[in-house]
Amino acid sequence: MKPGEFASKASISYSTLDNIENERKNASLEVLYRIAAALKIPVEAIVRDPTALEIKANAS
């Protein structure tokens, strides 16, 4: 699927998707839910807690 097609499926603009992908802007909670819905996954699957990753790295 092309990025523009995915943006339409997620009901967000292509520029919003592009800015998020290229780390120029952070996604709002609403946009995260739209992206998750378009992917048919729970929003928790695309949101990570940096402190949880830090704890796992230190445990190794």
N, C-alpha and C. Protein backbone atom coordinates (compact mmCIF):
# COMPACT_ATOMS: atom_id res chain seq x y z
N MET A 1 0.85 -1.17 0.00
CA MET A 1 0.00 0.00 0.00
C MET A 1 0.90 1.24 0.00
N LYS A 2 0.55 2.19 -0.82
CA LYS A 2 1.31 3.44 -0.90
C LYS A 2 0.98 4.32 0.30
N PRO A 3 1.93 5.18 0.72
CA PRO A 3 1.68 6.03 1.89
C PRO A 3 0.42 6.88 1.77
N GLY A 4 0.16 7.43 0.61
CA GLY A 4 -1.04 8.24 0.42
C GLY A 4 -2.32 7.44 0.62
N GLU A 5 -2.30 6.18 0.16
CA GLU A 5 -3.45 5.29 0.34
C GLU A 5 -3.65 4.98 1.82
N PHE A 6 -2.53 4.74 2.52
CA PHE A 6 -2.64 4.45 3.96
C PHE A 6 -3.15 5.66 4.72
N ALA A 7 -2.66 6.85 4.36
CA ALA A 7 -3.13 8.07 5.03
C ALA A 7 -4.64 8.21 4.86
N SER A 8 -5.13 7.94 3.66
CA SER A 8 -6.58 8.01 3.43
C SER A 8 -7.31 6.98 4.27
N LYS A 9 -6.77 5.77 4.32
CA LYS A 9 -7.40 4.70 5.11
C LYS A 9 -7.45 5.08 6.59
N ALA A 10 -6.42 5.77 7.07
CA ALA A 10 -6.36 6.18 8.48
C ALA A 10 -7.08 7.51 8.72
N SER A 11 -7.62 8.10 7.68
CA SER A 11 -8.31 9.40 7.78
C SER A 11 -7.41 10.51 8.33
N ILE A 12 -6.17 10.51 7.84
CA ILE A 12 -5.24 11.58 8.17
C ILE A 12 -4.65 12.09 6.86
N SER A 13 -4.06 13.26 6.89
CA SER A 13 -3.47 13.80 5.67
C SER A 13 -2.13 13.11 5.39
N TYR A 14 -1.76 13.13 4.13
CA TYR A 14 -0.47 12.56 3.75
C TYR A 14 0.66 13.33 4.44
N SER A 15 0.53 14.65 4.54
CA SER A 15 1.59 15.44 5.18
C SER A 15 1.74 15.09 6.66
N THR A 16 0.62 14.80 7.33
CA THR A 16 0.69 14.37 8.74
C THR A 16 1.45 13.05 8.84
N LEU A 17 1.10 12.10 7.99
CA LEU A 17 1.79 10.81 8.00
C LEU A 17 3.28 10.99 7.71
N ASP A 18 3.60 11.78 6.71
CA ASP A 18 4.99 12.03 6.34
C ASP A 18 5.77 12.68 7.49
N ASN A 19 5.17 13.65 8.15
CA ASN A 19 5.83 14.31 9.28
C ASN A 19 6.08 13.35 10.43
N ILE A 20 5.15 12.46 10.69
CA ILE A 20 5.33 11.48 11.77
C ILE A 20 6.41 10.48 11.39
N GLU A 21 6.34 9.97 10.15
CA GLU A 21 7.34 8.99 9.70
C GLU A 21 8.75 9.54 9.73
N ASN A 22 8.90 10.81 9.41
CA ASN A 22 10.22 11.42 9.36
C ASN A 22 10.60 12.16 10.64
N GLU A 23 9.83 11.90 11.69
CA GLU A 23 10.09 12.42 13.03
C GLU A 23 10.17 13.94 13.10
N ARG A 24 9.40 14.61 12.24
CA ARG A 24 9.33 16.06 12.31
C ARG A 24 8.26 16.52 13.29
N LYS A 25 7.27 15.65 13.51
CA LYS A 25 6.21 15.94 14.47
C LYS A 25 5.83 14.66 15.19
N ASN A 26 5.31 14.82 16.41
CA ASN A 26 4.78 13.69 17.16
C ASN A 26 3.30 13.53 16.82
N ALA A 27 2.85 12.31 16.82
CA ALA A 27 1.43 12.04 16.54
C ALA A 27 0.60 12.35 17.78
N SER A 28 -0.56 12.93 17.55
CA SER A 28 -1.49 13.14 18.66
C SER A 28 -2.11 11.79 19.01
N LEU A 29 -2.74 11.73 20.16
CA LEU A 29 -3.40 10.50 20.57
C LEU A 29 -4.48 10.10 19.56
N GLU A 30 -5.22 11.08 19.06
CA GLU A 30 -6.26 10.80 18.06
C GLU A 30 -5.66 10.18 16.80
N VAL A 31 -4.55 10.72 16.34
CA VAL A 31 -3.90 10.19 15.14
C VAL A 31 -3.37 8.78 15.40
N LEU A 32 -2.82 8.54 16.58
CA LEU A 32 -2.35 7.19 16.92
C LEU A 32 -3.49 6.19 16.86
N TYR A 33 -4.65 6.57 17.39
CA TYR A 33 -5.80 5.67 17.33
C TYR A 33 -6.24 5.44 15.90
N ARG A 34 -6.20 6.46 15.05
CA ARG A 34 -6.58 6.30 13.65
C ARG A 34 -5.62 5.37 12.91
N ILE A 35 -4.32 5.53 13.18
CA ILE A 35 -3.32 4.67 12.55
C ILE A 35 -3.51 3.23 13.01
N ALA A 36 -3.70 3.04 14.31
CA ALA A 36 -3.91 1.69 14.85
C ALA A 36 -5.16 1.06 14.25
N ALA A 37 -6.22 1.82 14.12
CA ALA A 37 -7.46 1.29 13.54
C ALA A 37 -7.24 0.89 12.09
N ALA A 38 -6.51 1.71 11.34
CA ALA A 38 -6.23 1.39 9.94
C ALA A 38 -5.39 0.13 9.81
N LEU A 39 -4.51 -0.10 10.79
CA LEU A 39 -3.68 -1.31 10.79
C LEU A 39 -4.38 -2.51 11.43
N LYS A 40 -5.54 -2.24 12.04
CA LYS A 40 -6.31 -3.26 12.75
C LYS A 40 -5.50 -3.90 13.88
N ILE A 41 -4.86 -3.01 14.65
CA ILE A 41 -4.09 -3.44 15.82
C ILE A 41 -4.45 -2.52 16.98
N PRO A 42 -4.21 -2.96 18.22
CA PRO A 42 -4.46 -2.07 19.36
C PRO A 42 -3.42 -0.95 19.38
N VAL A 43 -3.82 0.22 19.83
CA VAL A 43 -2.90 1.36 19.87
C VAL A 43 -1.67 1.04 20.72
N GLU A 44 -1.83 0.18 21.70
CA GLU A 44 -0.70 -0.20 22.55
C GLU A 44 0.42 -0.85 21.76
N ALA A 45 0.10 -1.43 20.61
CA ALA A 45 1.10 -2.10 19.79
C ALA A 45 2.04 -1.11 19.10
N ILE A 46 1.63 0.15 19.00
CA ILE A 46 2.49 1.14 18.34
C ILE A 46 3.02 2.20 19.29
N VAL A 47 2.67 2.09 20.54
CA VAL A 47 3.15 3.03 21.55
C VAL A 47 4.03 2.25 22.51
N ARG A 48 5.20 2.77 22.73
CA ARG A 48 6.09 2.09 23.67
C ARG A 48 6.53 3.04 24.77
N ASP A 49 6.78 2.46 25.90
CA ASP A 49 7.23 3.22 27.07
C ASP A 49 8.77 3.20 27.08
N PRO A 50 9.41 4.33 26.84
CA PRO A 50 10.87 4.34 26.79
C PRO A 50 11.52 3.83 28.07
N THR A 51 10.88 4.05 29.21
CA THR A 51 11.47 3.56 30.46
C THR A 51 11.43 2.04 30.52
N ALA A 52 10.42 1.42 29.93
CA ALA A 52 10.36 -0.05 29.90
C ALA A 52 11.49 -0.60 29.04
N LEU A 53 11.80 0.08 27.94
CA LEU A 53 12.91 -0.36 27.09
C LEU A 53 14.23 -0.18 27.82
N GLU A 54 14.35 0.87 28.59
CA GLU A 54 15.57 1.15 29.34
C GLU A 54 15.78 0.07 30.41
N ILE A 55 14.74 -0.33 31.08
CA ILE A 55 14.82 -1.36 32.11
C ILE A 55 15.25 -2.68 31.51
N LYS A 56 14.68 -3.04 30.37
CA LYS A 56 15.05 -4.29 29.69
C LYS A 56 16.52 -4.25 29.26
N ALA A 57 16.98 -3.11 28.77
CA ALA A 57 18.37 -2.99 28.33
C ALA A 57 19.33 -3.14 29.50
N ASN A 58 18.96 -2.59 30.65
CA ASN A 58 19.81 -2.68 31.83
C ASN A 58 19.82 -4.06 32.43
N ALA A 59 18.77 -4.83 32.19
CA ALA A 59 18.66 -6.18 32.75
C ALA A 59 19.55 -7.18 32.01
N SER A 60 19.95 -6.84 30.81
CA SER A 60 20.75 -7.76 29.98
C SER A 60 22.17 -7.86 30.45
